[in-house]
């Protein structure tokens, strides 16, 4: 089936129409894509950790060898870098939820 010459001739009007479609269709597609896209759920938020509280009393001053040496609201912790010589690693009682000094 052969098309007539009027349907296959390139005219200034057909060039202008093609140029407008090439420029406009991506913008139209973007608009409808953003308007009708399925909504994305926001990422899950991480749990907020409690802010360390200012300590009072014997926080970090009492020597201990295990948690049983400390009161119920304290943990036995070795602050700072761990030394190769075990005699230099001293543990102290620190209140639960407080920052341990390095």
PDB file of N, CA and C in Angstrom:
ATOM      1  N   UNK A   1       0.851  -1.174   0.000  1.00  0.00           N
ATOM      2  CA  UNK A   1       0.000   0.000   0.000  1.00  0.00           C
ATOM      3  C   UNK A   1       0.895   1.236   0.000  1.00  0.00           C
ATOM      4  N   UNK A   2       0.814   1.989  -0.997  1.00  0.00           N
ATOM      5  CA  UNK A   2       1.639   3.178  -1.166  1.00  0.00           C
ATOM      6  C   UNK A   2       0.881   4.404  -0.666  1.00  0.00           C
ATOM      7  N   UNK A   3       1.579   5.237   0.108  1.00  0.00           N
ATOM      8  CA  UNK A   3       0.961   6.464   0.605  1.00  0.00           C
ATOM      9  C   UNK A   3       1.125   7.564  -0.435  1.00  0.00           C
ATOM     10  N   UNK A   4       0.160   8.431  -0.455  1.00  0.00           N
ATOM     11  CA  UNK A   4       0.255   9.523  -1.420  1.00  0.00           C
ATOM     12  C   UNK A   4       1.354  10.492  -1.015  1.00  0.00           C
ATOM     13  N   UNK A   5       1.788  11.271  -1.984  1.00  0.00           N
ATOM     14  CA  UNK A   5       2.899  12.196  -1.760  1.00  0.00           C
ATOM     15  C   UNK A   5       2.545  13.253  -0.713  1.00  0.00           C
ATOM     16  N   UNK A   6       1.285  13.604  -0.524  1.00  0.00           N
ATOM     17  CA  UNK A   6       0.903  14.624   0.463  1.00  0.00           C
ATOM     18  C   UNK A   6       1.147  14.151   1.885  1.00  0.00           C
ATOM     19  N   UNK A   7       1.131  12.820   2.121  1.00  0.00           N
ATOM     20  CA  UNK A   7       1.361  12.284   3.468  1.00  0.00           C
ATOM     21  C   UNK A   7       2.837  12.057   3.756  1.00  0.00           C
ATOM     22  N   UNK A   8       3.665  12.020   2.781  1.00  0.00           N
ATOM     23  CA  UNK A   8       5.088  11.742   2.984  1.00  0.00           C
ATOM     24  C   UNK A   8       5.995  12.936   2.740  1.00  0.00           C
ATOM     25  N   UNK A   9       5.442  14.075   2.380  1.00  0.00           N
ATOM     26  CA  UNK A   9       6.241  15.262   2.103  1.00  0.00           C
ATOM     27  C   UNK A   9       6.576  15.985   3.416  1.00  0.00           C
ATOM     28  N   UNK A  10       7.853  16.360   3.572  1.00  0.00           N
ATOM     29  CA  UNK A  10       8.281  17.117   4.756  1.00  0.00           C
ATOM     30  C   UNK A  10       8.045  18.593   4.464  1.00  0.00           C
ATOM     31  N   UNK A  11       7.216  19.214   5.302  1.00  0.00           N
ATOM     32  CA  UNK A  11       6.887  20.627   5.126  1.00  0.00           C
ATOM     33  C   UNK A  11       7.376  21.411   6.335  1.00  0.00           C
ATOM     34  N   UNK A  12       7.421  22.733   6.243  1.00  0.00           N
ATOM     35  CA  UNK A  12       7.799  23.521   7.422  1.00  0.00           C
ATOM     36  C   UNK A  12       6.857  23.277   8.605  1.00  0.00           C
ATOM     37  N   UNK A  13       5.572  23.055   8.344  1.00  0.00           N
ATOM     38  CA  UNK A  13       4.613  22.776   9.416  1.00  0.00           C
ATOM     39  C   UNK A  13       4.934  21.437  10.094  1.00  0.00           C
ATOM     40  N   UNK A  14       5.263  20.401   9.323  1.00  0.00           N
ATOM     41  CA  UNK A  14       5.573  19.097   9.927  1.00  0.00           C
ATOM     42  C   UNK A  14       6.873  19.159  10.722  1.00  0.00           C
ATOM     43  N   UNK A  15       7.849  19.943  10.262  1.00  0.00           N
ATOM     44  CA  UNK A  15       9.094  20.108  11.010  1.00  0.00           C
ATOM     45  C   UNK A  15       8.832  20.803  12.342  1.00  0.00           C
ATOM     46  N   UNK A  16       8.018  21.859  12.315  1.00  0.00           N
ATOM     47  CA  UNK A  16       7.701  22.604  13.541  1.00  0.00           C
ATOM     48  C   UNK A  16       6.933  21.725  14.519  1.00  0.00           C
ATOM     49  N   UNK A  17       5.962  20.961  14.010  1.00  0.00           N
ATOM     50  CA  UNK A  17       5.178  20.073  14.865  1.00  0.00           C
ATOM     51  C   UNK A  17       6.062  18.998  15.495  1.00  0.00           C
ATOM     52  N   UNK A  18       6.978  18.427  14.732  1.00  0.00           N
ATOM     53  CA  UNK A  18       7.899  17.415  15.256  1.00  0.00           C
ATOM     54  C   UNK A  18       8.810  18.006  16.332  1.00  0.00           C
ATOM     55  N   UNK A  19       9.312  19.207  16.104  1.00  0.00           N
ATOM     56  CA  UNK A  19      10.177  19.863  17.084  1.00  0.00           C
ATOM     57  C   UNK A  19       9.425  20.136  18.384  1.00  0.00           C
ATOM     58  N   UNK A  20       8.190  20.618  18.278  1.00  0.00           N
ATOM     59  CA  UNK A  20       7.386  20.885  19.479  1.00  0.00           C
ATOM     60  C   UNK A  20       7.119  19.598  20.260  1.00  0.00           C
ATOM     61  N   UNK A  21       6.816  18.505  19.563  1.00  0.00           N
ATOM     62  CA  UNK A  21       6.554  17.237  20.253  1.00  0.00           C
ATOM     63  C   UNK A  21       7.816  16.694  20.936  1.00  0.00           C
ATOM     64  N   UNK A  22       8.960  16.804  20.258  1.00  0.00           N
ATOM     65  CA  UNK A  22      10.211  16.314  20.839  1.00  0.00           C
ATOM     66  C   UNK A  22      10.558  17.086  22.113  1.00  0.00           C
ATOM     67  N   UNK A  23      10.265  18.378  22.136  1.00  0.00           N
ATOM     68  CA  UNK A  23      10.573  19.195  23.315  1.00  0.00           C
ATOM     69  C   UNK A  23       9.510  19.021  24.393  1.00  0.00           C
ATOM     70  N   UNK A  24       8.234  18.983  24.028  1.00  0.00           N
ATOM     71  CA  UNK A  24       7.153  19.016  25.013  1.00  0.00           C
ATOM     72  C   UNK A  24       6.871  17.664  25.655  1.00  0.00           C
ATOM     73  N   UNK A  25       6.956  16.565  24.913  1.00  0.00           N
ATOM     74  CA  UNK A  25       6.563  15.262  25.464  1.00  0.00           C
ATOM     75  C   UNK A  25       7.372  14.841  26.693  1.00  0.00           C
ATOM     76  N   UNK A  26       8.686  15.038  26.786  1.00  0.00           N
ATOM     77  CA  UNK A  26       9.380  14.674  28.036  1.00  0.00           C
ATOM     78  C   UNK A  26       8.877  15.469  29.249  1.00  0.00           C
ATOM     79  N   UNK A  27       8.580  16.747  29.057  1.00  0.00           N
ATOM     80  CA  UNK A  27       8.070  17.547  30.173  1.00  0.00           C
ATOM     81  C   UNK A  27       6.664  17.102  30.572  1.00  0.00           C
ATOM     82  N   UNK A  28       5.848  16.800  29.599  1.00  0.00           N
ATOM     83  CA  UNK A  28       4.490  16.317  29.896  1.00  0.00           C
ATOM     84  C   UNK A  28       4.561  14.968  30.611  1.00  0.00           C
ATOM     85  N   UNK A  29       5.441  14.089  30.151  1.00  0.00           N
ATOM     86  CA  UNK A  29       5.610  12.794  30.812  1.00  0.00           C
ATOM     87  C   UNK A  29       6.120  12.939  32.239  1.00  0.00           C
ATOM     88  N   UNK A  30       7.045  13.860  32.459  1.00  0.00           N
ATOM     89  CA  UNK A  30       7.560  14.092  33.811  1.00  0.00           C
ATOM     90  C   UNK A  30       6.451  14.614  34.726  1.00  0.00           C
ATOM     91  N   UNK A  31       5.637  15.538  34.225  1.00  0.00           N
ATOM     92  CA  UNK A  31       4.547  16.100  35.030  1.00  0.00           C
ATOM     93  C   UNK A  31       3.573  15.005  35.454  1.00  0.00           C
ATOM     94  N   UNK A  32       3.119  14.193  34.501  1.00  0.00           N
ATOM     95  CA  UNK A  32       2.161  13.140  34.846  1.00  0.00           C
ATOM     96  C   UNK A  32       2.814  12.048  35.695  1.00  0.00           C
ATOM     97  N   UNK A  33       4.099  11.815  35.489  1.00  0.00           N
ATOM     98  CA  UNK A  33       4.796  10.828  36.314  1.00  0.00           C
ATOM     99  C   UNK A  33       4.880  11.244  37.768  1.00  0.00           C
ATOM    100  N   UNK A  34       5.138  12.518  38.009  1.00  0.00           N
ATOM    101  CA  UNK A  34       5.204  12.987  39.394  1.00  0.00           C
ATOM    102  C   UNK A  34       3.812  13.120  40.000  1.00  0.00           C
ATOM    103  N   UNK A  35       2.818  13.402  39.185  1.00  0.00           N
ATOM    104  CA  UNK A  35       1.461  13.586  39.709  1.00  0.00           C
ATOM    105  C   UNK A  35       0.814  12.253  40.082  1.00  0.00           C
ATOM    106  N   UNK A  36       1.020  11.230  39.273  1.00  0.00           N
ATOM    107  CA  UNK A  36       0.329   9.963  39.480  1.00  0.00           C
ATOM    108  C   UNK A  36       1.232   8.841  39.968  1.00  0.00           C
ATOM    109  N   UNK A  37       2.446   9.136  40.359  1.00  0.00           N
ATOM    110  CA  UNK A  37       3.358   8.108  40.869  1.00  0.00           C
ATOM    111  C   UNK A  37       2.862   7.598  42.209  1.00  0.00           C
ATOM    112  N   UNK A  38       3.160   6.351  42.510  1.00  0.00           N
ATOM    113  CA  UNK A  38       2.797   5.813  43.817  1.00  0.00           C
ATOM    114  C   UNK A  38       3.660   6.487  44.869  1.00  0.00           C
ATOM    115  N   UNK A  39       3.068   6.917  45.968  1.00  0.00           N
ATOM    116  CA  UNK A  39       3.860   7.619  46.987  1.00  0.00           C
ATOM    117  C   UNK A  39       4.862   6.670  47.642  1.00  0.00           C
ATOM    118  N   UNK A  40       6.053   7.158  47.841  1.00  0.00           N
ATOM    119  CA  UNK A  40       7.107   6.385  48.497  1.00  0.00           C
ATOM    120  C   UNK A  40       7.069   6.678  49.991  1.00  0.00           C
ATOM    121  N   UNK A  41       7.217   5.647  50.795  1.00  0.00           N
ATOM    122  CA  UNK A  41       7.231   5.828  52.242  1.00  0.00           C
ATOM    123  C   UNK A  41       8.564   6.439  52.658  1.00  0.00           C
ATOM    124  N   UNK A  42       8.541   7.327  53.667  1.00  0.00           N
ATOM    125  CA  UNK A  42       9.809   7.893  54.137  1.00  0.00           C
ATOM    126  C   UNK A  42      10.648   6.803  54.794  1.00  0.00           C
ATOM    127  N   UNK A  43      11.962   6.950  54.794  1.00  0.00           N
ATOM    128  CA  UNK A  43      12.805   5.934  55.425  1.00  0.00           C
ATOM    129  C   UNK A  43      12.516   5.842  56.916  1.00  0.00           C
ATOM    130  N   UNK A  44      12.718   4.652  57.456  1.00  0.00           N
ATOM    131  CA  UNK A  44      12.470   4.426  58.876  1.00  0.00           C
ATOM    132  C   UNK A  44      13.431   5.269  59.706  1.00  0.00           C
ATOM    133  N   UNK A  45      12.906   5.921  60.707  1.00  0.00           N
ATOM    134  CA  UNK A  45      13.732   6.716  61.603  1.00  0.00           C
ATOM    135  C   UNK A  45      14.380   5.811  62.634  1.00  0.00           C
ATOM    136  N   UNK A  46      15.584   6.136  62.982  1.00  0.00           N
ATOM    137  CA  UNK A  46      16.301   5.359  63.984  1.00  0.00           C
ATOM    138  C   UNK A  46      15.843   5.786  65.378  1.00  0.00           C
ATOM    139  N   UNK A  47      15.969   4.880  66.316  1.00  0.00           N
ATOM    140  CA  UNK A  47      15.587   5.175  67.687  1.00  0.00           C
ATOM    141  C   UNK A  47      16.479   6.275  68.254  1.00  0.00           C
ATOM    142  N   UNK A  48      15.885   7.155  69.002  1.00  0.00           N
ATOM    143  CA  UNK A  48      16.637   8.243  69.621  1.00  0.00           C
ATOM    144  C   UNK A  48      17.184   7.736  70.953  1.00  0.00           C
ATOM    145  N   UNK A  49      18.483   7.802  71.081  1.00  0.00           N
ATOM    146  CA  UNK A  49      19.126   7.354  72.314  1.00  0.00           C
ATOM    147  C   UNK A  49      19.026   8.447  73.370  1.00  0.00           C
ATOM    148  N   UNK A  50      18.871   8.059  74.632  1.00  0.00           N
ATOM    149  CA  UNK A  50      18.793   9.083  75.669  1.00  0.00           C
ATOM    150  C   UNK A  50      20.101   9.844  75.790  1.00  0.00           C
ATOM    151  N   UNK A  51      19.988  11.105  76.113  1.00  0.00           N
ATOM    152  CA  UNK A  51      21.161  11.946  76.297  1.00  0.00           C
ATOM    153  C   UNK A  51      21.842  11.560  77.606  1.00  0.00           C
ATOM    154  N   UNK A  52      23.152  11.387  77.581  1.00  0.00           N
ATOM    155  CA  UNK A  52      23.840  11.064  78.829  1.00  0.00           C
ATOM    156  C   UNK A  52      23.612  12.161  79.870  1.00  0.00           C
ATOM    157  N   UNK A  53      23.360  11.745  81.068  1.00  0.00           N
ATOM    158  CA  UNK A  53      23.072  12.696  82.140  1.00  0.00           C
ATOM    159  C   UNK A  53      24.342  13.017  82.908  1.00  0.00           C
ATOM    160  N   UNK A  54      24.342  14.173  83.490  1.00  0.00           N
ATOM    161  CA  UNK A  54      25.474  14.560  84.325  1.00  0.00           C
ATOM    162  C   UNK A  54      25.496  13.663  85.556  1.00  0.00           C
ATOM    163  N   UNK A  55      26.659  13.189  85.884  1.00  0.00           N
ATOM    164  CA  UNK A  55      26.757  12.264  87.008  1.00  0.00           C
ATOM    165  C   UNK A  55      27.075  13.001  88.297  1.00  0.00           C
ATOM    166  N   UNK A  56      26.762  12.329  89.344  1.00  0.00           N
ATOM    167  CA  UNK A  56      27.073  12.908  90.648  1.00  0.00           C
ATOM    168  C   UNK A  56      27.550  11.797  91.569  1.00  0.00           C
ATOM    169  N   UNK A  57      28.086  12.158  92.692  1.00  0.00           N
ATOM    170  CA  UNK A  57      28.501  11.174  93.674  1.00  0.00           C
ATOM    171  C   UNK A  57      29.792  10.492  93.293  1.00  0.00           C
ATOM    172  N   UNK A  58      29.819   9.160  93.423  1.00  0.00           N
ATOM    173  CA  UNK A  58      31.054   8.410  93.227  1.00  0.00           C
ATOM    174  C   UNK A  58      31.180   7.873  91.796  1.00  0.00           C
ATOM    175  N   UNK A  59      30.652   8.566  90.824  1.00  0.00           N
ATOM    176  CA  UNK A  59      30.713   8.100  89.445  1.00  0.00           C
ATOM    177  C   UNK A  59      32.154   8.119  88.959  1.00  0.00           C
ATOM    178  N   UNK A  60      32.710   6.934  88.653  1.00  0.00           N
ATOM    179  CA  UNK A  60      34.057   6.833  88.128  1.00  0.00           C
ATOM    180  C   UNK A  60      35.148   6.928  89.173  1.00  0.00           C
ATOM    181  N   UNK A  61      34.824   6.892  90.465  1.00  0.00           N
ATOM    182  CA  UNK A  61      35.850   6.994  91.495  1.00  0.00           C
ATOM    183  C   UNK A  61      36.022   5.696  92.274  1.00  0.00           C
ATOM    184  N   UNK A  62      35.037   4.801  92.213  1.00  0.00           N
ATOM    185  CA  UNK A  62      35.090   3.560  92.992  1.00  0.00           C
ATOM    186  C   UNK A  62      35.657   2.432  92.128  1.00  0.00           C
ATOM    187  N   UNK A  63      36.741   1.792  92.578  1.00  0.00           N
ATOM    188  CA  UNK A  63      37.327   0.664  91.873  1.00  0.00           C
ATOM    189  C   UNK A  63      36.419  -0.553  92.002  1.00  0.00           C
ATOM    190  N   UNK A  64      36.388  -1.376  90.924  1.00  0.00           N
ATOM    191  CA  UNK A  64      35.556  -2.581  90.965  1.00  0.00           C
ATOM    192  C   UNK A  64      36.198  -3.662  90.118  1.00  0.00           C
ATOM    193  N   UNK A  65      35.773  -4.901  90.351  1.00  0.00           N
ATOM    194  CA  UNK A  65      36.252  -6.017  89.531  1.00  0.00           C
ATOM    195  C   UNK A  65      35.112  -6.640  88.732  1.00  0.00           C
ATOM    196  N   UNK A  66      33.848  -6.396  89.147  1.00  0.00           N
ATOM    197  CA  UNK A  66      32.680  -6.886  88.410  1.00  0.00           C
ATOM    198  C   UNK A  66      31.492  -5.989  88.751  1.00  0.00           C
ATOM    199  N   UNK A  67      30.375  -6.186  88.061  1.00  0.00           N
ATOM    200  CA  UNK A  67      29.185  -5.372  88.304  1.00  0.00           C
ATOM    201  C   UNK A  67      28.624  -5.560  89.707  1.00  0.00           C
ATOM    202  N   UNK A  68      28.929  -6.685  90.354  1.00  0.00           N
ATOM    203  CA  UNK A  68      28.415  -6.920  91.705  1.00  0.00           C
ATOM    204  C   UNK A  68      29.078  -5.989  92.729  1.00  0.00           C
ATOM    205  N   UNK A  69      30.247  -5.422  92.391  1.00  0.00           N
ATOM    206  CA  UNK A  69      30.914  -4.483  93.288  1.00  0.00           C
ATOM    207  C   UNK A  69      30.277  -3.097  93.253  1.00  0.00           C
ATOM    208  N   UNK A  70      29.459  -2.830  92.229  1.00  0.00           N
ATOM    209  CA  UNK A  70      28.836  -1.514  92.057  1.00  0.00           C
ATOM    210  C   UNK A  70      27.394  -1.562  92.535  1.00  0.00           C
ATOM    211  N   UNK A  71      26.803  -0.382  92.735  1.00  0.00           N
ATOM    212  CA  UNK A  71      25.395  -0.324  93.113  1.00  0.00           C
ATOM    213  C   UNK A  71      24.537  -0.730  91.916  1.00  0.00           C
ATOM    214  N   UNK A  72      23.215  -0.874  92.130  1.00  0.00           N
ATOM    215  CA  UNK A  72      22.329  -1.391  91.090  1.00  0.00           C
ATOM    216  C   UNK A  72      22.188  -0.442  89.899  1.00  0.00           C
ATOM    217  N   UNK A  73      22.436   0.851  90.094  1.00  0.00           N
ATOM    218  CA  UNK A  73      22.302   1.800  88.988  1.00  0.00           C
ATOM    219  C   UNK A  73      23.647   2.097  88.326  1.00  0.00           C
ATOM    220  N   UNK A  74      24.665   1.236  88.557  1.00  0.00           N
ATOM    221  CA  UNK A  74      25.986   1.449  87.984  1.00  0.00           C
ATOM    222  C   UNK A  74      26.501   0.172  87.315  1.00  0.00           C
ATOM    223  N   UNK A  75      27.442   0.358  86.388  1.00  0.00           N
ATOM    224  CA  UNK A  75      28.133  -0.750  85.735  1.00  0.00           C
ATOM    225  C   UNK A  75      29.621  -0.647  86.003  1.00  0.00           C
ATOM    226  N   UNK A  76      30.307  -1.795  86.011  1.00  0.00           N
ATOM    227  CA  UNK A  76      31.750  -1.827  86.169  1.00  0.00           C
ATOM    228  C   UNK A  76      32.375  -1.730  84.776  1.00  0.00           C
ATOM    229  N   UNK A  77      33.116  -0.639  84.501  1.00  0.00           N
ATOM    230  CA  UNK A  77      33.631  -0.355  83.164  1.00  0.00           C
ATOM    231  C   UNK A  77      35.099   0.035  83.249  1.00  0.00           C
ATOM    232  N   UNK A  78      35.873  -0.383  82.218  1.00  0.00           N
ATOM    233  CA  UNK A  78      37.265   0.038  82.095  1.00  0.00           C
ATOM    234  C   UNK A  78      37.316   1.207  81.120  1.00  0.00           C
ATOM    235  N   UNK A  79      37.583   2.421  81.608  1.00  0.00           N
ATOM    236  CA  UNK A  79      37.603   3.565  80.698  1.00  0.00           C
ATOM    237  C   UNK A  79      38.913   3.648  79.930  1.00  0.00           C
ATOM    238  N   UNK A  80      38.860   4.364  78.834  1.00  0.00           N
ATOM    239  CA  UNK A  80      40.073   4.647  78.074  1.00  0.00           C
ATOM    240  C   UNK A  80      40.578   3.459  77.299  1.00  0.00           C
ATOM    241  N   UNK A  81      41.736   3.596  76.695  1.00  0.00           N
ATOM    242  CA  UNK A  81      42.283   2.488  75.904  1.00  0.00           C
ATOM    243  C   UNK A  81      42.692   1.331  76.811  1.00  0.00           C
ATOM    244  N   UNK A  82      42.510   0.123  76.301  1.00  0.00           N
ATOM    245  CA  UNK A  82      42.887  -1.067  77.056  1.00  0.00           C
ATOM    246  C   UNK A  82      44.379  -1.295  76.869  1.00  0.00           C
ATOM    247  N   UNK A  83      45.082  -1.503  77.976  1.00  0.00           N
ATOM    248  CA  UNK A  83      46.535  -1.688  77.939  1.00  0.00           C
ATOM    249  C   UNK A  83      46.874  -3.169  77.811  1.00  0.00           C
ATOM    250  N   UNK A  84      48.074  -3.448  77.284  1.00  0.00           N
ATOM    251  CA  UNK A  84      48.530  -4.826  77.160  1.00  0.00           C
ATOM    252  C   UNK A  84      48.791  -5.404  78.547  1.00  0.00           C
ATOM    253  N   UNK A  85      49.317  -4.600  79.433  1.00  0.00           N
ATOM    254  CA  UNK A  85      49.604  -5.043  80.801  1.00  0.00           C
ATOM    255  C   UNK A  85      48.313  -4.999  81.615  1.00  0.00           C
ATOM    256  N   UNK A  86      47.790  -6.161  82.044  1.00  0.00           N
ATOM    257  CA  UNK A  86      46.515  -6.175  82.778  1.00  0.00           C
ATOM    258  C   UNK A  86      46.539  -5.399  84.090  1.00  0.00           C
ATOM    259  N   UNK A  87      47.714  -5.192  84.664  1.00  0.00           N
ATOM    260  CA  UNK A  87      47.769  -4.459  85.927  1.00  0.00           C
ATOM    261  C   UNK A  87      47.427  -2.982  85.725  1.00  0.00           C
ATOM    262  N   UNK A  88      47.542  -2.474  84.487  1.00  0.00           N
ATOM    263  CA  UNK A  88      47.213  -1.079  84.210  1.00  0.00           C
ATOM    264  C   UNK A  88      45.727  -0.876  83.891  1.00  0.00           C
ATOM    265  N   UNK A  89      45.017  -1.967  83.589  1.00  0.00           N
ATOM    266  CA  UNK A  89      43.591  -1.874  83.276  1.00  0.00           C
ATOM    267  C   UNK A  89      42.794  -1.854  84.573  1.00  0.00           C
ATOM    268  N   UNK A  90      42.324  -0.689  84.947  1.00  0.00           N
ATOM    269  CA  UNK A  90      41.547  -0.551  86.175  1.00  0.00           C
ATOM    270  C   UNK A  90      40.103  -0.253  85.807  1.00  0.00           C
ATOM    271  N   UNK A  91      39.176  -0.920  86.472  1.00  0.00           N
ATOM    272  CA  UNK A  91      37.756  -0.726  86.212  1.00  0.00           C
ATOM    273  C   UNK A  91      37.148   0.110  87.324  1.00  0.00           C
ATOM    274  N   UNK A  92      36.177   0.943  86.935  1.00  0.00           N
ATOM    275  CA  UNK A  92      35.501   1.829  87.879  1.00  0.00           C
ATOM    276  C   UNK A  92      33.998   1.689  87.711  1.00  0.00           C
ATOM    277  N   UNK A  93      33.264   2.071  88.757  1.00  0.00           N
ATOM    278  CA  UNK A  93      31.807   2.061  88.705  1.00  0.00           C
ATOM    279  C   UNK A  93      31.322   3.361  88.053  1.00  0.00           C
ATOM    280  N   UNK A  94      30.520   3.237  86.984  1.00  0.00           N
ATOM    281  CA  UNK A  94      29.932   4.388  86.297  1.00  0.00           C
ATOM    282  C   UNK A  94      28.421   4.235  86.271  1.00  0.00           C
ATOM    283  N   UNK A  95      27.726   5.361  86.425  1.00  0.00           N
ATOM    284  CA  UNK A  95      26.269   5.327  86.366  1.00  0.00           C
ATOM    285  C   UNK A  95      25.821   4.841  84.990  1.00  0.00           C
ATOM    286  N   UNK A  96      24.738   4.060  84.951  1.00  0.00           N
ATOM    287  CA  UNK A  96      24.199   3.585  83.692  1.00  0.00           C
ATOM    288  C   UNK A  96      23.697   4.773  82.870  1.00  0.00           C
ATOM    289  N   UNK A  97      24.010   4.792  81.571  1.00  0.00           N
ATOM    290  CA  UNK A  97      23.557   5.855  80.692  1.00  0.00           C
ATOM    291  C   UNK A  97      24.498   7.042  80.610  1.00  0.00           C
ATOM    292  N   UNK A  98      25.654   6.972  81.266  1.00  0.00           N
ATOM    293  CA  UNK A  98      26.596   8.093  81.184  1.00  0.00           C
ATOM    294  C   UNK A  98      27.710   7.736  80.184  1.00  0.00           C
ATOM    295  N   UNK A  99      28.324   8.753  79.641  1.00  0.00           N
ATOM    296  CA  UNK A  99      29.437   8.562  78.705  1.00  0.00           C
ATOM    297  C   UNK A  99      30.686   8.178  79.489  1.00  0.00           C
ATOM    298  N   UNK A 100      31.418   7.220  78.934  1.00  0.00           N
ATOM    299  CA  UNK A 100      32.641   6.766  79.589  1.00  0.00           C
ATOM    300  C   UNK A 100      33.825   7.517  78.976  1.00  0.00           C
ATOM    301  N   UNK A 101      34.683   8.141  79.788  1.00  0.00           N
ATOM    302  CA  UNK A 101      35.813   8.895  79.242  1.00  0.00           C
ATOM    303  C   UNK A 101      36.830   7.975  78.588  1.00  0.00           C
ATOM    304  N   UNK A 102      37.485   8.503  77.553  1.00  0.00           N
ATOM    305  CA  UNK A 102      38.526   7.733  76.870  1.00  0.00           C
ATOM    306  C   UNK A 102      39.877   7.977  77.475  1.00  0.00           C
TER     307      UNK A 102
END
